[in-house]
Protein backbone atom coordinates (compact mmCIF):
# COMPACT_ATOMS: atom_id res chain seq x y z
CA MET A 1 -5.36 1.18 -15.96
CA ARG A 2 -7.87 4.35 -15.87
CA GLY A 3 -5.96 6.06 -18.86
CA ASP A 4 -7.49 7.88 -21.50
CA PHE A 5 -6.99 5.10 -24.07
CA SER A 6 -8.68 4.37 -27.28
CA ARG A 7 -8.58 0.65 -26.16
CA LEU A 8 -6.11 -1.70 -24.84
CA THR A 9 -5.19 -4.62 -27.12
CA PHE A 10 -2.49 -6.75 -25.84
CA ARG A 11 -3.72 -10.38 -25.51
CA PRO A 12 -1.10 -13.03 -24.42
CA ASP A 13 -2.81 -15.75 -26.18
CA LYS A 14 -2.18 -14.20 -29.66
CA GLY A 15 1.68 -14.75 -29.40
CA TYR A 16 2.55 -11.36 -30.58
CA SER A 17 6.24 -10.58 -30.20
CA ALA A 18 6.20 -6.93 -31.59
CA VAL A 19 4.26 -4.47 -33.13
CA LEU A 20 5.66 -3.23 -36.54
CA THR A 21 4.85 0.04 -38.14
CA GLN A 22 4.15 0.36 -41.96
CA GLN A 23 4.94 3.34 -44.06
CA GLY A 24 1.95 5.84 -44.57
CA ARG A 25 -0.06 4.10 -42.29
CA VAL A 26 -2.05 5.68 -39.18
CA GLN A 27 -0.31 4.85 -35.87
CA LEU A 28 -2.71 4.74 -32.81
CA ASP A 29 -2.15 5.01 -28.96
CA ALA A 30 -3.26 1.17 -28.78
CA ASP A 31 -0.38 0.25 -30.96
CA ILE A 32 2.32 2.02 -29.13
CA ASN A 33 0.74 0.83 -25.88
CA GLU A 34 0.55 -2.91 -27.16
CA GLN A 35 4.26 -2.60 -27.90
CA ALA A 36 4.98 -1.57 -24.34
CA ALA A 37 2.87 -4.48 -23.10
CA ILE A 38 4.31 -7.22 -25.31
CA GLN A 39 7.98 -5.98 -24.27
CA ALA A 40 7.17 -6.15 -20.49
CA TYR A 41 5.36 -9.57 -20.77
CA LEU A 42 8.32 -11.09 -22.53
CA GLU A 43 10.84 -9.64 -20.29
CA ARG A 44 8.86 -10.59 -17.13
CA GLY A 45 8.44 -14.14 -18.43
CA LEU A 46 11.88 -14.43 -19.09
CA ALA A 47 12.97 -13.36 -15.65
CA ALA A 48 10.49 -15.63 -13.93
CA ASP A 49 11.61 -18.61 -16.07
CA LEU A 50 15.33 -17.87 -15.26
CA ILE A 51 15.09 -16.86 -11.57
CA GLY A 52 11.74 -18.45 -10.22
CA ARG A 53 8.52 -17.17 -9.06
CA HIS A 54 10.32 -14.90 -6.54
CA ALA A 55 13.91 -14.12 -5.73
CA GLY A 56 16.48 -11.39 -5.21
CA PRO A 57 20.12 -11.14 -6.25
CA VAL A 58 22.78 -12.47 -4.20
CA GLY A 59 25.44 -9.54 -3.09
CA GLY A 60 22.97 -6.82 -3.06
CA ASN A 61 25.23 -5.44 -0.31
CA PRO A 62 28.99 -5.99 -0.97
CA ALA A 63 29.45 -6.24 2.76
CA VAL A 64 27.04 -9.28 3.32
CA LYS A 65 28.68 -11.79 0.94
CA GLY A 66 26.51 -14.54 -0.19
CA ASN A 67 23.34 -12.99 1.03
CA ILE A 68 20.42 -10.87 -0.28
CA THR A 69 19.28 -7.79 1.34
CA ALA A 70 16.23 -6.72 -0.55
CA PHE A 71 13.21 -6.82 1.47
CA GLY A 72 14.99 -8.53 4.27
CA ILE A 73 12.75 -8.41 7.36
CA SER A 74 13.51 -7.77 11.06
CA TYR A 75 10.85 -7.71 13.89
CA ASN A 76 10.94 -5.10 16.50
CA ASN A 77 8.77 -5.04 19.51
CA GLN A 78 10.60 -3.04 21.66
CA GLY A 79 8.71 0.32 21.06
CA ALA A 80 5.01 1.09 22.00
CA VAL A 81 3.94 -0.52 18.47
CA PRO A 82 5.57 -3.48 17.01
CA ASP A 83 7.41 -2.64 13.81
CA LEU A 84 9.39 -4.29 10.81
CA THR A 85 12.42 -3.12 9.21
CA ILE A 86 12.76 -3.59 5.41
CA GLY A 87 16.15 -4.23 3.89
CA ALA A 88 16.92 -2.02 0.67
CA GLY A 89 17.62 -3.43 -2.69
CA ARG A 90 15.73 -5.32 -5.72
CA TYR A 91 13.63 -8.38 -5.56
CA TYR A 92 11.65 -9.92 -8.25
CA VAL A 93 8.02 -11.24 -8.06
CA ASP A 94 6.63 -13.03 -11.15
CA GLY A 95 9.50 -11.41 -13.19
CA ILE A 96 8.58 -7.78 -12.01
CA MET A 97 11.69 -5.90 -10.59
CA THR A 98 10.52 -4.51 -7.13
CA SER A 99 12.77 -2.02 -5.48
CA ALA A 100 12.90 -1.18 -1.84
CA THR A 101 15.89 1.15 -2.39
CA LYS A 102 15.11 4.87 -1.07
CA PRO A 103 15.94 7.71 -3.05
CA VAL A 104 19.15 9.53 -1.75
CA PRO A 105 18.11 12.36 0.55
CA LEU A 106 19.10 15.96 0.65
CA ASP A 107 21.63 16.92 3.35
CA PRO A 108 20.09 18.22 5.58
CA VAL A 109 16.82 16.41 4.97
CA PRO A 110 13.90 19.05 4.52
CA SER A 111 11.05 18.68 6.74
CA GLY A 112 7.37 19.50 6.29
CA PRO A 113 5.23 21.89 8.56
CA SER A 114 5.05 18.99 11.04
CA GLY A 115 8.88 18.35 11.10
CA SER A 116 8.59 15.17 8.98
CA SER A 117 8.44 14.38 5.35
CA GLU A 118 5.30 12.84 3.86
CA SER A 119 7.54 9.76 2.59
CA GLY A 120 8.21 9.06 6.22
CA ALA A 121 11.78 7.71 5.15
CA GLN A 122 14.18 7.15 7.73
CA ALA A 123 17.99 7.34 7.55
CA ASP A 124 18.29 3.55 8.44
CA GLY A 125 15.82 2.43 5.83
CA TRP A 126 12.28 1.63 5.36
CA THR A 127 10.12 0.23 8.27
CA TYR A 128 6.65 -1.26 8.34
CA TRP A 129 5.07 2.08 9.27
CA THR A 130 6.92 4.41 6.85
CA GLN A 131 7.02 1.97 3.73
CA PRO A 132 6.07 4.54 0.86
CA TYR A 133 3.00 2.90 -0.74
CA ALA A 134 0.97 1.24 2.25
CA TYR A 135 -0.05 4.68 4.04
CA LEU A 136 -0.46 2.72 7.48
CA ASP A 137 -1.94 4.28 10.61
CA GLN A 138 -0.71 3.43 13.90
CA THR A 139 -3.88 4.40 15.60
CA ASN A 140 -5.82 1.76 13.44
CA ASP A 141 -6.04 -1.52 14.93
CA ALA A 142 -6.50 -2.93 11.68
CA ASP A 143 -3.04 -1.93 10.38
CA ARG A 144 -1.12 -3.18 13.47
CA LEU A 145 0.94 -6.15 13.24
CA PRO A 146 -0.65 -9.35 14.72
CA THR A 147 -0.10 -9.49 18.66
CA GLU A 148 0.13 -13.40 18.43
CA LEU A 149 3.19 -15.03 17.00
CA PRO A 150 3.97 -16.73 14.73
CA PHE A 151 2.80 -15.03 11.61
CA LEU A 152 4.03 -14.39 8.00
CA VAL A 153 5.17 -11.40 6.26
CA TYR A 154 4.84 -11.12 2.53
CA LEU A 155 5.30 -8.76 -0.24
CA LYS A 156 2.40 -7.67 -2.50
CA VAL A 157 3.22 -6.13 -5.81
CA TRP A 158 0.97 -4.48 -8.57
CA GLU A 159 1.15 -1.54 -11.24
CA ARG A 160 -0.66 1.55 -11.36
CA PHE A 161 -1.14 4.19 -14.10
CA ILE A 162 0.25 7.54 -13.18
CA THR A 163 -0.82 10.70 -14.80
CA ALA A 164 0.56 14.47 -14.40
CA VAL A 165 -1.98 14.93 -11.66
CA GLU A 166 -0.16 12.27 -9.40
CA ASP A 167 3.11 13.40 -10.77
CA PRO A 168 3.64 17.03 -11.91
CA ASP A 169 7.02 16.32 -13.12
CA ILE A 170 5.46 14.36 -15.96
CA LEU A 171 4.43 17.84 -17.56
CA GLU A 172 6.71 19.41 -19.93
CA THR A 173 6.82 23.21 -19.25
CA ALA A 174 8.57 24.08 -22.66
CA LEU A 175 5.08 23.30 -24.11
CA GLY A 176 3.68 26.74 -22.62
CA ALA A 177 1.48 28.09 -19.77
CA THR A 178 -1.33 25.72 -20.51
CA LEU A 179 0.82 22.64 -19.55
CA PRO A 180 -1.07 20.31 -22.06
CA ASP A 181 -1.29 16.73 -20.97
CA THR A 182 1.09 14.13 -22.49
CA CYS A 183 1.74 10.78 -21.65
CA GLY A 184 1.27 8.82 -18.42
CA ARG A 185 3.46 6.27 -16.65
CA ALA A 186 3.08 2.71 -15.33
CA LYS A 187 4.54 2.52 -11.74
CA VAL A 188 5.36 -0.60 -9.79
CA MET A 189 3.98 -0.44 -6.29
CA TRP A 190 4.71 -2.52 -3.34
CA GLN A 191 3.53 -3.28 0.14
CA VAL A 192 5.11 -5.39 2.97
CA LEU A 193 2.04 -6.83 4.87
CA PRO A 194 1.32 -9.58 7.53
CA ILE A 195 -1.00 -12.41 6.87
CA ARG A 196 -3.84 -12.22 9.65
CA ASP A 197 -5.86 -15.15 10.93
CA SER A 198 -8.89 -13.95 8.74
CA ASP A 199 -6.74 -14.39 5.52
CA GLY A 200 -7.09 -18.09 5.65
CA PHE A 201 -3.53 -19.21 5.51
CA THR A 202 -2.81 -22.46 6.85
CA PRO A 203 0.57 -23.88 6.39
CA GLN A 204 1.10 -27.70 7.00
CA ASP A 205 4.27 -26.96 9.24
CA ASP A 206 6.67 -24.15 9.88
CA SER A 207 9.54 -25.36 7.69
CA PRO A 208 10.70 -22.79 5.11
CA ASP A 209 9.73 -25.16 2.18
CA ALA A 210 6.46 -25.79 3.61
CA LEU A 211 5.89 -22.08 4.35
CA ARG A 212 6.93 -21.22 0.91
CA SER A 213 4.59 -23.90 -0.83
CA GLY A 214 1.71 -23.10 1.34
CA PHE A 215 2.04 -19.16 0.68
CA ASP A 216 2.16 -19.93 -3.06
CA ALA A 217 -1.01 -21.85 -2.90
CA TRP A 218 -2.66 -19.35 -0.79
CA ALA A 219 -1.49 -16.59 -3.39
CA ASP A 220 -2.77 -18.60 -6.38
CA ALA A 221 -6.27 -18.90 -4.66
CA ARG A 222 -6.37 -15.32 -4.22
CA ASN A 223 -5.58 -14.73 -7.99
CA GLU A 224 -8.15 -17.21 -9.23
CA PRO A 225 -10.84 -15.26 -11.06
CA ALA A 226 -14.03 -15.31 -8.77
CA ALA A 227 -16.00 -12.84 -10.76
CA TRP A 228 -17.40 -13.16 -14.52
CA LEU A 229 -18.78 -10.83 -16.81
CA ALA A 230 -20.31 -10.59 -20.45
CA ALA A 231 -21.04 -7.46 -22.58
CA GLN A 232 -23.30 -6.74 -25.53
CA THR A 233 -25.27 -4.25 -27.36
CA ALA A 234 -29.12 -4.46 -27.16
CA PRO A 235 -31.31 -3.88 -30.37
CA PRO A 236 -32.55 -0.15 -31.00
CA GLN A 237 -35.47 1.12 -28.92
CA ALA A 238 -38.48 3.10 -30.42
CA GLN A 239 -37.42 6.26 -28.65
CA ASP A 240 -34.23 6.38 -30.45
CA ASP A 241 -33.81 9.17 -33.09
CA PRO A 242 -33.21 7.46 -36.28
CA CYS A 243 -31.96 11.02 -37.82
CA ILE A 244 -29.19 10.92 -35.20
CA ILE A 245 -28.54 7.16 -34.96
CA ALA A 246 -28.58 4.57 -37.70
CA PRO A 247 -31.86 2.62 -37.37
CA ASP A 248 -29.98 -0.66 -37.31
CA ALA A 249 -27.37 0.49 -34.88
CA GLN A 250 -27.31 -1.52 -31.47
CA TYR A 251 -24.54 0.73 -29.76
CA ARG A 252 -26.30 4.07 -29.99
CA GLY A 253 -23.59 6.61 -28.47
CA PRO A 254 -22.70 9.66 -30.51
CA GLU A 255 -18.81 8.69 -30.00
CA ASN A 256 -16.30 5.92 -29.74
CA GLN A 257 -15.91 5.11 -26.08
CA LEU A 258 -13.87 2.88 -23.85
CA TYR A 259 -16.38 1.74 -21.25
CA ARG A 260 -14.86 0.53 -17.94
CA VAL A 261 -17.17 -1.50 -15.48
CA GLU A 262 -15.33 -1.54 -12.14
CA VAL A 263 -16.11 -3.18 -8.72
CA HIS A 264 -16.93 -0.60 -6.02
CA ARG A 265 -17.73 -2.26 -2.82
CA ALA A 266 -16.26 -5.74 -2.44
CA GLY A 267 -18.45 -8.72 -1.51
CA THR A 268 -21.18 -10.90 -3.04
CA ALA A 269 -24.26 -9.95 -5.04
CA GLY A 270 -27.24 -9.24 -2.74
CA THR A 271 -30.10 -6.99 -1.76
CA ASP A 272 -28.36 -5.63 1.39
CA ASN A 273 -27.56 -2.07 0.57
CA GLN A 274 -25.08 -1.91 3.31
CA ASN A 275 -22.89 -5.12 2.68
CA SER A 276 -23.72 -6.27 -1.03
CA ALA A 277 -21.20 -5.79 -3.69
CA THR A 278 -21.60 -2.79 -5.91
CA PHE A 279 -20.12 -1.61 -9.24
CA LYS A 280 -19.51 1.88 -10.87
CA TRP A 281 -18.89 2.54 -14.60
CA SER A 282 -17.30 5.35 -16.93
CA ARG A 283 -17.70 5.76 -20.48
CA ASP A 284 -14.05 7.23 -20.54
CA ASN A 285 -12.27 4.34 -18.87
CA GLY A 286 -12.33 6.27 -15.65
CA SER A 287 -9.82 8.94 -16.93
CA VAL A 288 -11.85 12.13 -16.40
CA ILE A 289 -10.22 13.51 -13.01
CA PHE A 290 -10.16 16.96 -11.59
CA PRO A 291 -6.99 18.05 -9.43
CA VAL A 292 -8.22 19.13 -5.86
CA SER A 293 -6.78 22.44 -4.15
CA ILE A 294 -8.59 22.52 -1.07
CA ILE A 295 -11.87 20.80 0.47
CA GLU A 296 -13.85 22.92 2.68
CA GLY A 297 -16.88 21.12 4.05
CA THR A 298 -19.18 20.07 0.98
CA TRP A 299 -17.24 22.68 -1.26
CA VAL A 300 -14.30 21.52 -3.45
CA THR A 301 -11.85 23.83 -5.14
CA LEU A 302 -10.33 22.47 -8.02
CA ALA A 303 -7.01 23.41 -9.74
CA ALA A 304 -8.73 22.96 -12.89
CA LEU A 305 -11.99 22.19 -14.68
CA GLY A 306 -12.33 20.04 -17.57
CA ARG A 307 -10.83 20.72 -21.06
CA ASP A 308 -14.37 20.86 -22.76
CA ASP A 309 -17.96 19.98 -21.98
CA LYS A 310 -17.52 16.22 -22.49
CA MET A 311 -14.67 16.19 -19.88
CA ASP A 312 -16.21 18.71 -17.38
CA LEU A 313 -18.38 18.30 -14.11
CA ASN A 314 -22.06 18.79 -14.02
CA VAL A 315 -24.86 18.96 -11.47
CA GLN A 316 -25.97 15.27 -10.88
CA ASP A 317 -22.77 13.80 -11.79
CA TRP A 318 -21.13 11.27 -9.31
CA VAL A 319 -17.71 11.59 -8.26
CA GLU A 320 -15.16 9.79 -6.26
CA VAL A 321 -12.66 11.57 -3.84
CA VAL A 322 -9.35 9.91 -4.35
CA ASP A 323 -5.86 10.47 -3.36
CA ASP A 324 -2.54 8.12 -3.31
CA ALA A 325 -3.33 6.56 0.09
CA TYR A 326 -7.13 5.84 -0.86
CA LEU A 327 -5.79 3.79 -3.91
CA ALA A 328 -3.06 2.06 -2.28
CA ARG A 329 -5.43 0.90 0.46
CA GLY A 330 -8.19 -0.15 -1.63
CA ILE A 331 -10.76 1.93 0.06
CA ALA A 332 -14.41 2.18 -1.24
CA ASP A 333 -15.92 5.29 0.24
CA PRO A 334 -19.62 6.15 -0.87
CA LEU A 335 -19.55 8.16 -4.11
CA LEU A 336 -20.84 11.78 -3.89
CA GLN A 337 -23.04 13.81 -6.04
CA VAL A 338 -22.48 17.24 -7.62
CA THR A 339 -25.08 19.45 -6.56
CA ALA A 340 -23.62 23.00 -7.55
CA VAL A 341 -21.03 24.33 -9.88
CA ASP A 342 -19.25 27.53 -9.31
CA VAL A 343 -17.32 27.88 -12.70
CA ALA A 344 -15.70 31.25 -11.87
CA GLY A 345 -14.36 30.02 -8.57
CA ARG A 346 -13.40 26.53 -9.92
CA ARG A 347 -15.58 24.90 -7.12
CA VAL A 348 -18.12 22.29 -6.99
CA GLN A 349 -20.46 21.46 -4.19
CA LEU A 350 -21.00 17.92 -3.07
CA SER A 351 -24.08 15.95 -1.68
CA ALA A 352 -21.99 15.39 1.57
CA GLU A 353 -18.66 16.00 3.13
CA PRO A 354 -15.94 13.71 1.95
CA ASP A 355 -14.37 11.39 4.43
CA PRO A 356 -12.00 13.77 6.38
CA ALA A 357 -9.02 11.22 5.94
CA VAL A 358 -9.04 11.46 2.01
CA GLY A 359 -8.08 14.29 -0.05
CA GLN A 360 -6.69 16.73 2.68
CA ILE A 361 -2.90 16.28 2.10
CA ALA A 362 -1.75 17.89 -0.87
CA ALA A 363 1.45 15.66 -1.08
CA ARG A 364 -0.96 12.55 -1.70
CA HIS A 365 -2.03 14.18 -4.99
CA PRO A 366 -6.11 14.51 -4.19
CA TYR A 367 -8.45 14.56 -7.13
CA LEU A 368 -12.07 14.04 -8.06
CA ARG A 369 -12.74 11.21 -10.48
CA ARG A 370 -16.03 11.35 -12.36
CA TRP A 371 -18.31 8.18 -12.80
CA ASP A 372 -20.99 8.09 -15.33
CA GLN A 373 -23.71 5.78 -13.66
CA GLN A 374 -27.00 7.37 -13.03
CA ALA A 375 -30.08 6.25 -10.91
CA PRO A 376 -31.91 3.59 -12.86
CA THR A 377 -35.49 3.65 -13.73
CA GLY A 378 -38.22 0.89 -14.00
CA SER A 379 -38.87 -1.93 -11.61
CA GLY A 380 -36.40 -5.12 -11.30
CA VAL A 381 -33.56 -3.01 -12.17
CA PRO A 382 -30.31 -2.71 -10.02
CA GLN A 383 -30.49 0.05 -7.15
CA LEU A 384 -28.21 2.82 -6.65
CA TRP A 385 -26.45 2.50 -3.36
CA ASP A 386 -24.18 5.30 -2.17
CA GLY A 387 -23.80 6.32 -5.79
CA ALA A 388 -22.78 2.95 -6.98
CA LEU A 389 -25.10 0.22 -8.75
CA GLN A 390 -26.22 -2.77 -6.89
CA ILE A 391 -24.65 -5.82 -8.81
CA ALA A 392 -27.38 -7.83 -9.97
CA GLU A 393 -26.10 -11.27 -11.26
CA GLY A 394 -28.02 -13.59 -14.04
CA ALA A 395 -29.46 -10.71 -15.92
CA TRP A 396 -28.58 -8.15 -18.73
CA VAL A 397 -27.93 -4.67 -17.03
CA ASP A 398 -28.22 -1.58 -19.12
CA LEU A 399 -25.44 0.94 -19.01
CA GLU A 400 -26.30 3.53 -21.65
CA ASP A 401 -26.94 3.78 -25.42
CA GLY A 402 -27.47 0.06 -25.77
CA VAL A 403 -24.42 -1.17 -23.96
CA GLN A 404 -25.37 -4.08 -21.38
CA VAL A 405 -23.32 -6.28 -18.97
CA TRP A 406 -24.09 -9.52 -17.32
CA PHE A 407 -22.58 -10.76 -14.14
CA LYS A 408 -22.34 -14.66 -13.78
CA SER A 409 -24.07 -15.88 -10.69
CA GLY A 410 -22.11 -16.96 -7.66
CA GLY A 411 -19.36 -14.34 -8.14
CA THR A 412 -17.13 -12.90 -5.36
CA TYR A 413 -16.17 -9.48 -6.19
CA ARG A 414 -12.96 -7.44 -5.13
CA THR A 415 -12.96 -3.63 -5.09
CA GLY A 416 -10.80 -2.50 -8.14
CA ASP A 417 -11.39 -5.31 -10.19
CA TYR A 418 -12.54 -4.11 -13.62
CA TRP A 419 -13.70 -4.85 -17.29
CA LEU A 420 -13.07 -2.62 -20.40
CA ILE A 421 -15.76 -2.69 -23.15
CA PRO A 422 -14.72 -0.65 -26.34
CA ALA A 423 -17.99 0.83 -27.98
CA ARG A 424 -17.71 1.76 -31.71
CA THR A 425 -20.15 3.99 -33.57
CA LEU A 426 -18.95 2.50 -37.14
CA THR A 427 -20.12 -1.06 -36.33
CA GLY A 428 -22.74 0.11 -33.71
CA ASP A 429 -21.45 -2.56 -31.44
CA VAL A 430 -19.07 -3.34 -28.63
CA GLU A 431 -15.78 -5.29 -29.15
CA TRP A 432 -16.27 -8.40 -27.02
CA PRO A 433 -15.37 -11.97 -27.35
CA ARG A 434 -18.02 -14.16 -28.53
CA ASP A 435 -18.60 -17.98 -29.77
CA ALA A 436 -19.43 -19.15 -33.22
CA ASN A 437 -23.06 -18.21 -32.58
CA GLN A 438 -21.92 -14.78 -32.03
CA THR A 439 -23.05 -15.19 -28.15
CA PRO A 440 -20.98 -12.95 -25.70
CA LEU A 441 -18.59 -14.80 -23.68
CA LEU A 442 -18.00 -14.50 -20.01
CA SER A 443 -14.70 -13.10 -19.20
CA PRO A 444 -12.68 -12.56 -15.79
CA PRO A 445 -11.66 -9.19 -14.73
CA ALA A 446 -9.00 -7.40 -16.75
CA GLY A 447 -7.31 -6.30 -13.59
CA VAL A 448 -5.86 -5.43 -11.08
CA ALA A 449 -3.20 -8.10 -11.06
CA TYR A 450 -1.61 -8.49 -7.75
CA HIS A 451 1.78 -10.51 -7.40
CA TYR A 452 2.78 -11.94 -3.97
CA ALA A 453 6.20 -13.35 -2.46
CA PRO A 454 6.77 -14.68 1.00
CA LEU A 455 9.37 -12.59 2.84
CA ALA A 456 9.66 -14.09 6.72
CA TRP A 457 7.93 -16.13 9.29
CA ILE A 458 8.04 -14.10 12.50
CA ILE A 459 8.23 -16.91 15.29
CA GLN A 460 7.73 -16.69 19.07
CA ASP A 461 10.80 -15.09 20.09
CA GLY A 462 10.65 -12.48 17.60
CA HIS A 463 13.14 -14.00 15.27
CA ALA A 464 12.57 -13.50 11.42
CA LEU A 465 12.86 -16.82 9.57
CA ASP A 466 13.85 -15.67 6.08
CA LEU A 467 11.69 -17.23 3.35
CA ARG A 468 13.14 -15.11 0.49
CA GLU A 469 14.76 -17.14 -2.43
CA GLN A 470 18.04 -15.96 -4.15
CA PHE A 471 19.87 -16.36 -7.37
CA LYS A 472 23.42 -15.44 -8.39
CA THR A 473 24.34 -12.68 -10.83
CA LEU A 474 27.29 -12.53 -13.21
CA ALA A 475 29.08 -10.36 -10.59
CA GLU A 476 28.82 -13.22 -8.11
CA PRO A 477 30.05 -16.36 -10.08
CA VAL A 478 28.70 -19.75 -9.10
CA THR A 479 31.37 -21.94 -7.65
């Protein structure tokens, strides 16, 4: 999660069951966040153990006795573009409660300038095209449902960190006109998607049990770590100022930081700047963002500038134009560089016009996210491609102030995968797992963690073979 955290300390292998405060002791954001993570881990583990890998409660709709309604799928090919209907209710995936229940609308339903709301909600429930977190486009062939039957429909679930930029209701107006930032929120996101031929799903047969087991194997393969990274600090260099940085310090930054190394363009390492994988990094966990009011060509008007010089934008900074749809779809557009800053007008000029499909709709909460990589110098170093760095495997790559990362050879990289590296001035080092000889260990990405569940198998006549599992609640006694 890209929040402004000191560090994220929860590790399931440590076996902690609670964070306990002590009188007169300092309390840190990491302590509170670890307690929340422990509680979620325990609750979701219990739910998964009791009800299984994915299942929904029986009796979600009293009128449908003995059946579940949550994420029930129906196929509809009567219109110009095939569609799916998605049943309302709760469904659990790896213990995570996922709800397709729509908010109760006002009556009459208010409409936007185009006559329809941004949510796309319909009176009779969600559909494939109107589901709230997929942002699908009927004019995009890649978004359309497969034309050849049969195909499998599945549920994809993950969590996203939400700030007051994405949800202004988080702000407390009683704190005054400056509306200081407070806590963020973790939000469960979901998408109903089809498995396509290119996804490599090959079930042994089309019986429900075979489809479920084949899907679980497919999901497990997608979640296997395919990229590994190690981090360390390098010895001081001759040009480092000993009056500012301790002579024996390896981490030479002036402040404690939480570095975030994140895959930008997916793929494998290589020297092709159009197709090879790239990464970006931030010394503030990617938390420095600027809400966008309007984009006009290369000029972007911001709702607010940074709180101080450290959290502000400057010429030559690299930024990413982001909104809800961009994040949900896992897009990796070229990063853009700030070429001018108009402080009085709260505007910045970018090196090129952003993609017109991103950042233009206010309801999608557009903003700029700052990244801190710069063009590297010297021979044999990774190149800067579209603002992100080439992933170079099998060698230490310098970030800044002595912090270095190493990508294991043979990795396959996925947009959004990330690693967190706390750097501390007191120790002059980064916090990273090491072996007995203090050699940095390779670690898989810290996230994003995706969870999957099969929903339906759409067969030749358009009938949806239900693949959901179900469990009985206390309100529906076992007979």
